[in-house]
Amino acid sequence: MISIDFILLVSTLMMFAGVYGFLTRKSTLAILLSIELMLNAANINFAVFNNLLFPNGHEGVFFAIFAIAIAAAESAIAIAIMINIYRQLQNISVDKLTKMKW
């Protein structure tokens, strides 16, 4: 069995990689992937801490599955918005999106 410390280390690395990608990338698609990476790190933590606190319960796993479903719907909507922006501006770089500002 894999130790909880190792799983939390992997989750922490995923979170930091997502934060780094979110802060440094200029493409909206790369930013979306970074957000998804951070959400998956949080879902791993839900499952691990559920197993640690309630070994016979599955509430954390069900909550993580629900969060994954919500994240998939959010990604579909975000990609649809990106496709619409690309059709209008021919670019999805965050620096070039000045039309959407007030």
Protein backbone atom coordinates (compact mmCIF):
# COMPACT_ATOMS: atom_id res chain seq x y z
CA MET A 1 0.00 0.00 0.00
CA ILE A 2 1.21 3.48 -0.83
CA SER A 3 1.79 5.69 2.19
CA ILE A 4 -0.35 8.75 2.80
CA ASP A 5 2.73 10.96 2.99
CA PHE A 6 3.72 10.08 -0.57
CA ILE A 7 0.22 10.72 -1.90
CA LEU A 8 0.08 14.10 -0.14
CA LEU A 9 3.50 14.96 -1.58
CA VAL A 10 2.27 14.18 -5.09
CA SER A 11 -0.86 16.24 -4.47
CA THR A 12 1.24 19.16 -3.22
CA LEU A 13 3.48 19.00 -6.27
CA MET A 14 0.40 18.96 -8.51
CA MET A 15 -1.01 22.00 -6.73
CA PHE A 16 2.23 23.97 -7.03
CA ALA A 17 2.59 23.01 -10.70
CA GLY A 18 -0.96 24.24 -11.31
CA VAL A 19 -0.36 27.53 -9.51
CA TYR A 20 2.91 28.05 -11.40
CA GLY A 21 1.21 27.30 -14.72
CA PHE A 22 -1.69 29.62 -13.90
CA LEU A 23 0.62 32.51 -13.04
CA THR A 24 3.10 32.13 -15.91
CA ARG A 25 1.12 31.01 -18.97
CA LYS A 26 -0.38 33.40 -21.50
CA SER A 27 -2.61 30.95 -23.37
CA THR A 28 -6.13 30.57 -22.06
CA LEU A 29 -6.01 26.83 -22.77
CA ALA A 30 -2.83 26.42 -20.69
CA ILE A 31 -4.44 28.43 -17.88
CA LEU A 32 -7.49 26.15 -18.01
CA LEU A 33 -5.27 23.07 -17.81
CA SER A 34 -3.49 24.57 -14.79
CA ILE A 35 -6.82 25.13 -13.04
CA GLU A 36 -7.80 21.54 -13.75
CA LEU A 37 -4.50 20.37 -12.28
CA MET A 38 -5.22 22.30 -9.08
CA LEU A 39 -8.74 20.84 -8.88
CA ASN A 40 -7.37 17.31 -9.29
CA ALA A 41 -4.86 17.93 -6.50
CA ALA A 42 -7.74 18.96 -4.23
CA ASN A 43 -9.70 15.83 -5.22
CA ILE A 44 -6.75 13.63 -4.29
CA ASN A 45 -6.68 15.33 -0.89
CA PHE A 46 -10.41 14.65 -0.41
CA ALA A 47 -9.92 10.96 -1.06
CA VAL A 48 -6.77 10.65 1.08
CA PHE A 49 -8.13 12.47 4.11
CA ASN A 50 -11.40 10.55 3.89
CA ASN A 51 -9.41 7.32 3.98
CA LEU A 52 -7.34 8.61 6.90
CA LEU A 53 -10.23 9.88 9.04
CA PHE A 54 -12.96 7.40 8.09
CA PRO A 55 -11.39 4.17 6.79
CA ASN A 56 -14.74 2.50 6.10
CA GLY A 57 -16.49 5.56 4.65
CA HIS A 58 -16.59 6.65 1.05
CA GLU A 59 -17.89 10.21 1.39
CA GLY A 60 -14.60 11.81 0.31
CA VAL A 61 -14.40 9.61 -2.77
CA PHE A 62 -17.98 10.44 -3.77
CA PHE A 63 -17.31 14.13 -3.20
CA ALA A 64 -14.18 13.89 -5.38
CA ILE A 65 -16.15 12.17 -8.16
CA PHE A 66 -18.80 14.88 -7.96
CA ALA A 67 -16.09 17.56 -8.13
CA ILE A 68 -14.57 15.86 -11.18
CA ALA A 69 -17.96 15.92 -12.91
CA ILE A 70 -18.37 19.63 -12.12
CA ALA A 71 -14.84 20.33 -13.38
CA ALA A 72 -15.59 18.49 -16.63
CA ALA A 73 -18.68 20.63 -17.20
CA GLU A 74 -16.69 23.78 -16.38
CA SER A 75 -14.00 22.74 -18.86
CA ALA A 76 -16.54 22.15 -21.62
CA ILE A 77 -18.00 25.61 -21.11
CA ALA A 78 -14.56 27.24 -20.95
CA ILE A 79 -13.44 25.52 -24.16
CA ALA A 80 -16.65 26.66 -25.89
CA ILE A 81 -15.90 30.23 -24.81
CA MET A 82 -12.33 29.89 -26.09
CA ILE A 83 -13.56 28.62 -29.45
CA ASN A 84 -15.91 31.59 -29.70
CA ILE A 85 -13.11 34.02 -28.83
CA TYR A 86 -10.82 32.38 -31.40
CA ARG A 87 -13.47 32.69 -34.11
CA GLN A 88 -13.82 36.41 -33.44
CA LEU A 89 -10.21 37.44 -32.68
CA GLN A 90 -8.12 34.64 -34.29
CA ASN A 91 -6.09 34.50 -31.06
CA ILE A 92 -6.60 33.08 -27.56
CA SER A 93 -3.64 34.72 -25.83
CA VAL A 94 -4.59 36.47 -22.59
CA ASP A 95 -2.54 39.54 -23.53
CA LYS A 96 -4.56 40.07 -26.72
CA LEU A 97 -8.01 39.88 -25.12
CA THR A 98 -8.75 43.57 -24.83
CA LYS A 99 -12.22 43.47 -26.43
CA MET A 100 -13.71 41.82 -23.36
CA LYS A 101 -12.57 44.60 -21.02
CA TRP A 102 -15.07 47.20 -19.83
